[in-house]
Amino acid sequence: MSNSAAGLIDGLDQHLHIVRLLSSLRTLPIRKQRVVELRVSARTAAYQKRIGYKTFSASMMLLTVYGGYLCSVRAYHYFQLRSARRQAAEEQKTSGVL
C-alpha cells in the first residue's frame, strides 16, 4: 500500500473513533428527545383524530340537513301537483255538467 492510502485509512479510523465517541455521548439526550417527540406526535395524532372526527361529523350533519331540505321540497311539489290535479278534475266535472 502506498503511504497516502495508509494515511487515508488512518484518518478514516480516527474519524470513526471520534464519531463513535460523540454518538455515545449523545445517546442519552437523543433518546430523551425521541421520547419527547413521540409524546408530541401522540398528542398531535390525537388532535388530528379529534379534528378529523369533528369535521366528518359536521359534514354528515350538513348532508342530513340538505337531504331533509331536498325531501321537503319534493314533498311540497308533490302536494302542489296533487292539489292542481284535484282542481283540474273539479273543473272538468263542473264543465261536463253544464
Protein backbone atom coordinates (compact mmCIF):
# COMPACT_ATOMS: atom_id res chain seq x y z
CA MET A 1 0.00 0.00 0.00
CA SER A 2 1.14 3.49 -0.69
CA ASN A 3 1.85 5.98 2.01
CA SER A 4 -1.12 8.18 1.04
CA ALA A 5 -3.54 5.21 1.17
CA ALA A 6 -2.30 4.23 4.63
CA GLY A 7 -2.71 7.82 5.78
CA LEU A 8 -6.22 7.88 4.40
CA ILE A 9 -7.15 4.68 6.24
CA ASP A 10 -5.67 6.01 9.48
CA GLY A 11 -7.62 9.23 9.02
CA LEU A 12 -10.84 7.27 8.49
CA ASP A 13 -10.16 5.17 11.59
CA GLN A 14 -9.65 8.29 13.66
CA HIS A 15 -12.78 9.83 12.21
CA LEU A 16 -14.84 6.71 13.02
CA HIS A 17 -13.42 6.66 16.55
CA ILE A 18 -14.41 10.30 17.07
CA VAL A 19 -17.88 9.67 15.63
CA ARG A 20 -18.38 6.71 17.97
CA LEU A 21 -17.30 8.78 20.97
CA LEU A 22 -19.61 11.61 20.05
CA SER A 23 -22.54 9.29 19.40
CA SER A 24 -22.02 7.55 22.75
CA LEU A 25 -22.06 10.94 24.46
CA ARG A 26 -25.21 11.99 22.62
CA THR A 27 -27.12 8.76 23.15
CA LEU A 28 -28.96 9.85 26.28
CA PRO A 29 -30.19 13.24 25.04
CA ILE A 30 -31.22 11.77 21.69
CA ARG A 31 -33.30 9.12 23.44
CA LYS A 32 -34.94 11.74 25.64
CA GLN A 33 -35.58 13.84 22.59
CA ARG A 34 -37.16 10.86 20.81
CA VAL A 35 -39.42 10.24 23.82
CA VAL A 36 -40.47 13.87 23.79
CA GLU A 37 -41.03 13.71 20.03
CA LEU A 38 -43.15 10.58 20.48
CA ARG A 39 -45.25 12.28 23.14
CA VAL A 40 -45.70 15.35 20.98
CA SER A 41 -46.51 13.26 17.93
CA ALA A 42 -49.01 11.24 20.00
CA ARG A 43 -50.65 14.47 21.09
CA THR A 44 -50.75 15.82 17.58
CA ALA A 45 -52.11 12.49 16.34
CA ALA A 46 -54.87 12.62 18.93
CA TYR A 47 -55.55 16.23 17.97
CA GLN A 48 -55.71 15.30 14.30
CA LYS A 49 -58.08 12.44 15.09
CA ARG A 50 -60.31 14.78 17.05
CA ILE A 51 -60.32 17.40 14.31
CA GLY A 52 -60.97 14.73 11.67
CA TYR A 53 -63.87 13.30 13.66
CA LYS A 54 -65.42 16.71 14.22
CA THR A 55 -65.03 17.62 10.55
CA PHE A 56 -66.58 14.35 9.45
CA SER A 57 -69.45 14.75 11.93
CA ALA A 58 -70.11 18.30 10.75
CA SER A 59 -70.17 17.24 7.12
CA MET A 60 -72.60 14.42 7.93
CA MET A 61 -74.85 16.87 9.77
CA LEU A 62 -74.82 19.22 6.78
CA LEU A 63 -75.61 16.34 4.45
CA THR A 64 -78.53 15.34 6.67
CA VAL A 65 -79.90 18.88 6.71
CA TYR A 66 -79.50 19.17 2.94
CA GLY A 67 -81.22 15.80 2.44
CA GLY A 68 -84.10 16.97 4.62
CA TYR A 69 -84.36 20.13 2.57
CA LEU A 70 -84.45 18.17 -0.69
CA CYS A 71 -87.08 15.81 0.71
CA SER A 72 -89.28 18.65 1.91
CA VAL A 73 -89.00 20.46 -1.45
CA ARG A 74 -90.01 17.28 -3.25
CA ALA A 75 -92.96 16.76 -0.88
CA TYR A 76 -94.03 20.39 -1.37
CA HIS A 77 -94.00 19.99 -5.16
CA TYR A 78 -95.86 16.68 -4.87
CA PHE A 79 -98.65 18.26 -2.83
CA GLN A 80 -98.80 21.28 -5.15
CA LEU A 81 -99.16 18.99 -8.16
CA ARG A 82 -101.79 16.90 -6.36
CA SER A 83 -103.88 19.94 -5.50
CA ALA A 84 -103.54 21.23 -9.08
CA ARG A 85 -104.75 17.87 -10.40
CA ARG A 86 -107.70 17.92 -7.97
CA GLN A 87 -108.65 21.40 -9.12
CA ALA A 88 -108.40 20.32 -12.75
CA ALA A 89 -110.61 17.30 -12.01
CA GLU A 90 -113.15 19.51 -10.24
CA GLU A 91 -113.20 21.93 -13.16
CA GLN A 92 -113.63 19.08 -15.60
CA LYS A 93 -116.55 17.70 -13.56
CA THR A 94 -118.27 21.06 -13.34
CA SER A 95 -117.71 21.87 -17.02
CA GLY A 96 -119.07 18.47 -18.04
CA VAL A 97 -122.26 19.03 -16.06
CA LEU A 98 -123.03 22.37 -17.70
